[in-house]
Amino acid sequence: MAGTLLLERGHAVTFYEQKKAAGRKFLVAGHGGFNLSNRIDQPAFLEMYDREEIREMVRAFDVDDLVAFLDKIGIPTYIGSSGKVFPQVHIKPIDVLNAWLAYLKRLGATFLFGCQMVDFDADMVTLLVEGNEETKAYDRLVLALGGASWSKTGATGKWLELFRGKGIEVVPFEASNAGFEIALPEAVRAFEGQPVKHVACYLGQKEKYGELVVTQYGFEGAPVFYLNGAFRQGNKALLLDAKPGFSLEKIIHILEQAKNPTEGLKQLKIAKALVAYIKHKLRKEEFLDRHFLGQFIKRIPFTIEALRPVDEAISTVGGVPFSALNNDLSLKQFPAVYCCGEMMDWDAPTGGYLLQACFASGAWVGSMIK
């Protein structure tokens, strides 16, 4: 997006890409539905971000700006569930990417592929091209080097060492929007891949309603991704309300009216995976006690052992902190070098918030370079 704005204002822009084609990570975002942004009200939207700096950028380039840009390059959008913004149903992720690349080429952009950045200073950037180092002069150098997730797309995070060697402040990468590793009993893991719908999850001071998916290692799903930050803050005790729409009294009443607890759980439509977990955790006398069982249904405890590895994560936190950047996202030590996207240290859950912030940070840089 930085290059787009600069080209629109008449600047000469060359894109250097280490892979053989552009937008590998962009296309990964299209797996399972290309959720480009979200149309929930702006205060709630901005609360999804953990840094005021990234909120400011999203205010400056919001979902309306993104939708207008997509429409300009021939990509109409629609609003799906929970306010999520998608390309129209007949449009594939590769179509969005190709439309954007075609627009950039019409504006005069130059693209060079197979170019890996290995060094830079205040005036020059060194690229590794087919095994040979080439040095290029620049007026402004905009870096979008990514985080450390989905390394097969080129986002390895190895640039962190280059920055550290130059004395630039960096933060080690950690997984974000990753599954929770929880020691589930075999009876629960037998339901691998099955959803646990309509539950409320609590971790530390955070809570999230939604749907979980059982895995061999624990749980994944939107509530899990949302609560990643709370886990990184040191919270490990996950509580799950299996019937957030029911009061404790109503749950107990249904259990008492049923001929046995198992039938009561069926009437409450508790997910089979949770029924297996409840039976595993409770002693017989606890399971038969309708009051105890009802309370357990409202506060099912799990212990989170870890997040899944960085390379399995949807995104990462870490990278260049805002304390190392000027307001225009240039490096304090190299004022002609700019950072944007996932290489900066910020966090957001899935649901369109990650991509919107990446677009917005690029637009911020593009608007700041005069």
Protein backbone atom coordinates (compact mmCIF):
# COMPACT_ATOMS: atom_id res chain seq x y z
CA MET A 1 0.00 0.00 0.00
CA ALA A 2 2.94 2.34 0.61
CA GLY A 3 4.14 1.85 -2.95
CA THR A 4 0.60 2.32 -4.27
CA LEU A 5 0.22 5.75 -2.69
CA LEU A 6 3.69 6.82 -3.80
CA LEU A 7 3.05 5.75 -7.40
CA GLU A 8 -0.28 7.57 -7.40
CA ARG A 9 1.61 10.75 -6.48
CA GLY A 10 4.09 10.32 -9.32
CA HIS A 11 7.08 8.80 -7.52
CA ALA A 12 9.25 6.14 -9.17
CA VAL A 13 8.89 2.90 -7.19
CA THR A 14 10.73 -0.41 -7.53
CA PHE A 15 9.45 -3.45 -5.64
CA TYR A 16 12.09 -6.00 -4.62
CA GLU A 17 10.66 -9.41 -3.67
CA GLN A 18 12.73 -12.33 -2.37
CA LYS A 19 10.33 -14.96 -3.74
CA LYS A 20 9.74 -15.71 -7.41
CA ALA A 21 6.26 -14.17 -7.29
CA ALA A 22 4.59 -11.40 -5.33
CA GLY A 23 2.12 -11.72 -2.49
CA ARG A 24 2.77 -15.23 -1.15
CA LYS A 25 1.74 -14.23 2.40
CA PHE A 26 -1.17 -12.21 0.99
CA LEU A 27 -2.52 -15.36 -0.66
CA VAL A 28 -2.14 -17.37 2.56
CA ALA A 29 -4.63 -14.96 4.13
CA GLY A 30 -7.15 -16.25 1.61
CA HIS A 31 -7.12 -19.80 2.97
CA GLY A 32 -10.58 -20.56 4.32
CA GLY A 33 -12.08 -17.28 3.11
CA PHE A 34 -10.42 -14.00 2.18
CA ASN A 35 -11.44 -11.82 5.14
CA LEU A 36 -9.97 -8.43 4.17
CA SER A 37 -11.33 -6.23 6.96
CA ASN A 38 -14.33 -5.78 9.25
CA ARG A 39 -17.26 -3.38 9.47
CA ILE A 40 -18.00 -3.50 13.19
CA ASP A 41 -18.28 -0.02 14.68
CA GLN A 42 -14.96 1.81 14.87
CA PRO A 43 -14.56 1.98 18.69
CA ALA A 44 -14.94 -1.81 18.92
CA PHE A 45 -12.70 -2.23 15.87
CA LEU A 46 -9.91 -0.16 17.37
CA GLU A 47 -10.09 -2.05 20.67
CA MET A 48 -8.88 -5.13 18.81
CA TYR A 49 -5.39 -3.61 18.62
CA ASP A 50 -2.91 -3.62 21.48
CA ARG A 51 -1.02 -0.43 20.52
CA GLU A 52 -2.32 3.12 20.19
CA GLU A 53 0.16 3.71 17.36
CA ILE A 54 -1.49 1.07 15.17
CA ARG A 55 -4.95 2.36 16.12
CA GLU A 56 -3.95 5.80 14.84
CA MET A 57 -2.98 4.30 11.49
CA VAL A 58 -6.25 2.38 11.21
CA ARG A 59 -8.16 5.58 11.92
CA ALA A 60 -6.25 7.28 9.11
CA PHE A 61 -6.85 4.43 6.62
CA ASP A 62 -10.00 2.61 7.68
CA VAL A 63 -12.26 -0.01 6.18
CA ASP A 64 -14.05 2.59 4.02
CA ASP A 65 -10.73 3.64 2.50
CA LEU A 66 -9.80 0.02 1.85
CA VAL A 67 -13.15 -0.84 0.25
CA ALA A 68 -12.92 2.28 -1.94
CA PHE A 69 -9.44 1.28 -3.08
CA LEU A 70 -10.52 -2.28 -3.86
CA ASP A 71 -13.46 -0.97 -5.85
CA LYS A 72 -11.08 1.31 -7.78
CA ILE A 73 -8.97 -1.66 -8.89
CA GLY A 74 -12.05 -3.66 -9.85
CA ILE A 75 -12.63 -5.75 -6.72
CA PRO A 76 -16.19 -5.34 -5.34
CA THR A 77 -16.76 -6.49 -1.76
CA TYR A 78 -19.59 -7.62 0.49
CA ILE A 79 -20.18 -7.86 4.23
CA GLY A 80 -20.42 -11.37 5.65
CA SER A 81 -21.06 -12.67 9.16
CA SER A 82 -19.89 -10.61 12.14
CA GLY A 83 -19.20 -7.62 9.88
CA LYS A 84 -16.38 -9.35 7.98
CA VAL A 85 -15.52 -7.83 4.61
CA PHE A 86 -14.83 -10.21 1.71
CA PRO A 87 -14.33 -9.93 -2.06
CA GLN A 88 -17.50 -10.88 -3.94
CA VAL A 89 -18.02 -14.65 -3.89
CA HIS A 90 -16.79 -15.25 -7.45
CA ILE A 91 -13.48 -13.46 -6.77
CA LYS A 92 -10.52 -15.57 -5.61
CA PRO A 93 -7.52 -14.29 -3.59
CA ILE A 94 -5.29 -14.56 -6.67
CA ASP A 95 -7.76 -12.33 -8.55
CA VAL A 96 -7.41 -9.63 -5.88
CA LEU A 97 -3.62 -9.85 -5.99
CA ASN A 98 -3.50 -9.77 -9.79
CA ALA A 99 -5.83 -6.77 -9.95
CA TRP A 100 -3.61 -4.88 -7.51
CA LEU A 101 -0.40 -5.81 -9.34
CA ALA A 102 -1.93 -4.78 -12.68
CA TYR A 103 -2.90 -1.43 -11.18
CA LEU A 104 0.65 -0.87 -9.92
CA LYS A 105 2.10 -1.75 -13.32
CA ARG A 106 -0.25 0.72 -15.03
CA LEU A 107 1.14 3.36 -12.68
CA GLY A 108 4.68 2.51 -13.80
CA ALA A 109 5.91 0.24 -11.01
CA THR A 110 8.98 -1.94 -11.55
CA PHE A 111 9.07 -5.44 -10.03
CA LEU A 112 12.25 -7.45 -9.44
CA PHE A 113 11.92 -10.97 -8.01
CA GLY A 114 14.39 -13.32 -6.36
CA CYS A 115 16.02 -10.43 -4.52
CA GLN A 116 16.80 -11.02 -0.84
CA MET A 117 17.90 -8.06 1.25
CA VAL A 118 21.06 -8.89 3.18
CA ASP A 119 22.17 -5.44 4.34
CA PHE A 120 21.48 -1.72 4.18
CA ASP A 121 22.95 1.55 5.35
CA ALA A 122 21.86 5.18 5.15
CA ASP A 123 22.20 5.32 1.35
CA MET A 124 22.49 1.81 -0.09
CA VAL A 125 20.72 -1.54 0.13
CA THR A 126 22.51 -4.83 -0.59
CA LEU A 127 20.52 -7.60 -2.28
CA LEU A 128 21.36 -11.23 -2.89
CA VAL A 129 20.34 -12.01 -6.48
CA GLU A 130 21.00 -15.51 -7.87
CA GLY A 131 23.84 -16.00 -5.41
CA ASN A 132 25.51 -12.67 -6.14
CA GLU A 133 25.39 -9.52 -4.04
CA GLU A 134 24.19 -6.34 -5.72
CA THR A 135 24.18 -2.89 -4.15
CA LYS A 136 21.48 -0.34 -5.00
CA ALA A 137 21.23 3.32 -4.06
CA TYR A 138 17.88 4.57 -2.77
CA ASP A 139 16.15 7.82 -1.82
CA ARG A 140 13.69 6.10 0.50
CA LEU A 141 13.70 2.43 1.51
CA VAL A 142 10.36 0.95 2.62
CA LEU A 143 10.66 -2.44 4.31
CA ALA A 144 7.78 -4.90 4.65
CA LEU A 145 9.77 -7.93 5.78
CA GLY A 146 6.96 -9.66 7.66
CA GLY A 147 6.96 -11.49 10.96
CA ALA A 148 8.08 -15.07 11.57
CA SER A 149 4.97 -17.14 10.81
CA TRP A 150 4.39 -19.07 7.57
CA SER A 151 8.11 -19.20 6.79
CA LYS A 152 7.44 -20.98 3.48
CA THR A 153 6.05 -17.67 2.18
CA GLY A 154 9.36 -15.98 2.97
CA ALA A 155 8.43 -14.61 6.40
CA THR A 156 11.28 -16.20 8.34
CA GLY A 157 12.03 -13.35 10.74
CA LYS A 158 15.76 -13.76 10.06
CA TRP A 159 16.07 -10.04 9.40
CA LEU A 160 15.82 -9.55 13.18
CA GLU A 161 19.51 -10.46 13.50
CA LEU A 162 20.48 -7.93 10.83
CA PHE A 163 18.65 -5.19 12.72
CA ARG A 164 20.08 -6.28 16.06
CA GLY A 165 23.58 -6.18 14.58
CA LYS A 166 23.00 -2.56 13.57
CA GLY A 167 22.01 -1.64 17.12
CA ILE A 168 18.34 -1.23 16.19
CA GLU A 169 16.00 -2.10 19.05
CA VAL A 170 14.05 -5.30 18.32
CA VAL A 171 11.72 -7.62 20.23
CA PRO A 172 11.99 -11.43 19.79
CA PHE A 173 9.12 -12.98 17.85
CA GLU A 174 6.41 -14.96 19.63
CA ALA A 175 3.40 -16.82 18.27
CA SER A 176 0.07 -15.02 18.02
CA ASN A 177 -3.29 -16.23 16.76
CA ALA A 178 -2.09 -19.73 17.56
CA GLY A 179 -3.77 -22.76 19.10
CA PHE A 180 -3.67 -23.50 22.83
CA GLU A 181 -1.75 -26.60 23.85
CA ILE A 182 -3.87 -28.32 26.53
CA ALA A 183 -3.44 -31.86 27.83
CA LEU A 184 -6.83 -33.23 26.81
CA PRO A 185 -7.75 -36.82 27.72
CA GLU A 186 -7.95 -39.34 24.90
CA ALA A 187 -11.74 -39.41 25.17
CA VAL A 188 -11.82 -35.72 24.20
CA ARG A 189 -9.13 -35.96 21.51
CA ALA A 190 -11.31 -38.58 19.83
CA PHE A 191 -13.47 -35.64 18.71
CA GLU A 192 -10.58 -34.01 16.80
CA GLY A 193 -11.83 -31.56 14.19
CA GLN A 194 -15.29 -31.23 15.71
CA PRO A 195 -16.57 -27.79 16.76
CA VAL A 196 -17.50 -26.77 20.28
CA LYS A 197 -20.09 -24.11 19.49
CA HIS A 198 -21.58 -21.22 21.44
CA VAL A 199 -19.17 -21.14 24.38
CA ALA A 200 -17.68 -18.28 26.37
CA CYS A 201 -13.98 -18.45 27.20
CA TYR A 202 -12.28 -16.56 30.04
CA LEU A 203 -8.56 -16.04 30.54
CA GLY A 204 -7.17 -13.44 32.91
CA GLN A 205 -9.20 -10.26 32.38
CA LYS A 206 -10.22 -11.22 28.84
CA GLU A 207 -13.30 -13.05 27.61
CA LYS A 208 -14.54 -14.11 24.20
CA TYR A 209 -17.67 -15.86 22.93
CA GLY A 210 -17.52 -18.12 19.91
CA GLU A 211 -16.61 -21.54 18.58
CA LEU A 212 -13.64 -23.75 19.43
CA VAL A 213 -12.27 -26.69 17.46
CA VAL A 214 -10.86 -29.78 19.17
CA THR A 215 -7.34 -30.78 18.07
CA GLN A 216 -4.89 -33.45 19.15
CA TYR A 217 -2.92 -30.79 21.03
CA GLY A 218 -5.82 -28.82 22.55
CA PHE A 219 -8.08 -26.13 21.10
CA GLU A 220 -8.02 -23.60 18.29
CA GLY A 221 -10.59 -21.13 17.01
CA ALA A 222 -11.42 -17.42 17.17
CA PRO A 223 -11.81 -17.24 20.98
CA VAL A 224 -8.44 -18.97 21.42
CA PHE A 225 -6.74 -16.57 19.02
CA TYR A 226 -8.31 -13.59 20.78
CA LEU A 227 -7.02 -14.81 24.16
CA ASN A 228 -3.43 -15.42 22.99
CA GLY A 229 -2.34 -12.08 24.43
CA ALA A 230 -3.74 -12.92 27.86
CA PHE A 231 -1.73 -16.16 27.84
CA ARG A 232 1.48 -14.33 26.90
CA GLN A 233 0.85 -12.10 29.94
CA GLY A 234 1.17 -15.18 32.14
CA ASN A 235 -2.42 -16.41 32.47
CA LYS A 236 -2.80 -20.18 32.10
CA ALA A 237 -6.14 -20.99 33.76
CA LEU A 238 -8.75 -21.08 30.99
CA LEU A 239 -12.40 -21.21 32.06
CA LEU A 240 -15.11 -22.22 29.65
CA ASP A 241 -18.83 -21.55 30.04
CA ALA A 242 -20.56 -24.24 28.00
CA LYS A 243 -23.97 -22.48 28.17
CA PRO A 244 -23.34 -18.71 28.35
CA GLY A 245 -26.92 -17.97 27.36
CA PHE A 246 -28.34 -19.93 30.31
CA SER A 247 -28.33 -18.91 33.95
CA LEU A 248 -26.99 -21.39 36.50
CA GLU A 249 -30.51 -21.78 37.86
CA LYS A 250 -31.90 -22.72 34.45
CA ILE A 251 -29.13 -25.26 33.88
CA ILE A 252 -29.72 -26.88 37.26
CA HIS A 253 -33.47 -26.98 36.62
CA ILE A 254 -32.97 -28.82 33.30
CA LEU A 255 -30.54 -31.25 34.93
CA GLU A 256 -32.98 -31.93 37.78
CA GLN A 257 -35.87 -32.56 35.37
CA ALA A 258 -33.85 -35.06 33.33
CA LYS A 259 -33.95 -38.75 34.25
CA ASN A 260 -30.15 -38.77 34.68
CA PRO A 261 -27.20 -36.32 34.27
CA THR A 262 -26.19 -37.71 30.87
CA GLU A 263 -29.70 -37.11 29.55
CA GLY A 264 -29.59 -33.62 31.07
CA LEU A 265 -26.36 -32.81 29.23
CA LYS A 266 -27.99 -34.00 26.02
CA GLN A 267 -31.01 -31.74 26.62
CA LEU A 268 -28.64 -28.83 27.24
CA LYS A 269 -26.95 -29.65 23.91
CA ILE A 270 -23.50 -29.69 25.46
CA ALA A 271 -20.88 -30.56 22.82
CA LYS A 272 -19.89 -34.22 22.91
CA ALA A 273 -16.23 -33.31 23.44
CA LEU A 274 -17.16 -31.32 26.55
CA VAL A 275 -19.38 -34.13 27.82
CA ALA A 276 -16.39 -36.46 27.55
CA TYR A 277 -14.22 -33.94 29.41
CA ILE A 278 -16.82 -33.44 32.15
CA LYS A 279 -17.10 -37.19 32.71
CA HIS A 280 -13.31 -37.48 32.78
CA LYS A 281 -12.86 -34.70 35.34
CA LEU A 282 -15.71 -35.34 37.78
CA ARG A 283 -15.98 -38.09 40.34
CA LYS A 284 -19.20 -40.11 40.25
CA GLU A 285 -20.74 -38.32 43.23
CA GLU A 286 -19.90 -34.93 41.68
CA PHE A 287 -21.42 -35.93 38.34
CA LEU A 288 -24.62 -37.10 40.03
CA ASP A 289 -24.91 -33.88 42.06
CA ARG A 290 -27.02 -31.65 39.78
CA HIS A 291 -25.93 -28.44 41.54
CA PHE A 292 -22.23 -29.32 41.34
CA LEU A 293 -22.59 -30.42 37.71
CA GLY A 294 -24.42 -27.20 36.83
CA GLN A 295 -21.69 -25.08 38.38
CA PHE A 296 -19.04 -27.07 36.52
CA ILE A 297 -20.81 -26.51 33.20
CA LYS A 298 -20.58 -22.75 33.80
CA ARG A 299 -16.88 -22.88 34.74
CA ILE A 300 -15.11 -25.79 33.04
CA PRO A 301 -11.38 -25.46 33.85
CA PHE A 302 -8.48 -26.14 31.51
CA THR A 303 -4.77 -25.48 31.96
CA ILE A 304 -2.97 -24.00 28.97
CA GLU A 305 0.56 -25.35 28.65
CA ALA A 306 1.77 -23.35 25.66
CA LEU A 307 0.91 -21.73 22.35
CA ARG A 308 1.58 -23.70 19.19
CA PRO A 309 4.97 -23.03 17.55
CA VAL A 310 5.60 -19.76 15.72
CA ASP A 311 5.59 -21.36 12.28
CA GLU A 312 2.11 -22.78 12.90
CA ALA A 313 0.78 -19.43 14.08
CA ILE A 314 -1.34 -17.18 11.88
CA SER A 315 0.73 -14.18 12.94
CA THR A 316 3.47 -13.14 15.37
CA VAL A 317 4.18 -10.42 17.87
CA GLY A 318 7.63 -8.94 18.16
CA GLY A 319 9.87 -7.25 15.62
CA VAL A 320 10.57 -3.53 15.60
CA PRO A 321 8.94 -1.74 18.56
CA PHE A 322 7.41 1.68 18.06
CA SER A 323 10.04 3.08 20.43
CA ALA A 324 12.60 2.47 17.65
CA LEU A 325 10.49 4.31 15.07
CA ASN A 326 9.64 7.91 14.33
CA ASN A 327 6.00 8.91 13.89
CA ASP A 328 6.31 8.39 10.12
CA LEU A 329 7.51 4.80 10.80
CA SER A 330 11.07 5.56 9.75
CA LEU A 331 13.82 4.05 11.86
CA LYS A 332 15.26 6.54 14.33
CA GLN A 333 18.76 5.36 13.41
CA PHE A 334 18.03 5.40 9.65
CA PRO A 335 15.47 8.16 8.91
CA ALA A 336 15.22 7.23 5.22
CA VAL A 337 14.31 3.60 6.03
CA TYR A 338 10.67 2.81 6.87
CA CYS A 339 8.98 -0.23 8.40
CA CYS A 340 5.41 -1.39 7.96
CA GLY A 341 3.15 -4.40 8.40
CA GLU A 342 3.92 -7.44 10.54
CA MET A 343 7.59 -6.56 11.01
CA MET A 344 6.48 -4.06 13.67
CA ASP A 345 5.59 -5.12 17.21
CA TRP A 346 1.78 -5.03 17.47
CA ASP A 347 -1.00 -7.55 17.84
CA ALA A 348 -4.60 -8.13 16.75
CA PRO A 349 -6.92 -11.14 16.46
CA THR A 350 -8.17 -12.70 13.26
CA GLY A 351 -11.35 -11.39 11.68
CA GLY A 352 -9.97 -8.83 9.22
CA TYR A 353 -8.03 -6.81 11.79
CA LEU A 354 -4.57 -8.08 10.84
CA LEU A 355 -4.87 -7.27 7.14
CA GLN A 356 -6.52 -3.90 7.78
CA ALA A 357 -3.62 -2.84 10.00
CA CYS A 358 -1.07 -4.02 7.43
CA PHE A 359 -2.83 -2.01 4.72
CA ALA A 360 -3.10 0.98 7.06
CA SER A 361 0.55 0.95 8.11
CA GLY A 362 1.60 0.87 4.46
CA ALA A 363 -0.75 3.74 3.66
CA TRP A 364 0.69 5.65 6.63
CA VAL A 365 4.23 5.32 5.27
CA GLY A 366 3.10 6.17 1.73
CA SER A 367 1.37 9.33 2.93
CA MET A 368 4.34 10.43 5.05
CA ILE A 369 6.98 10.28 2.30
CA LYS A 370 6.94 13.60 0.45
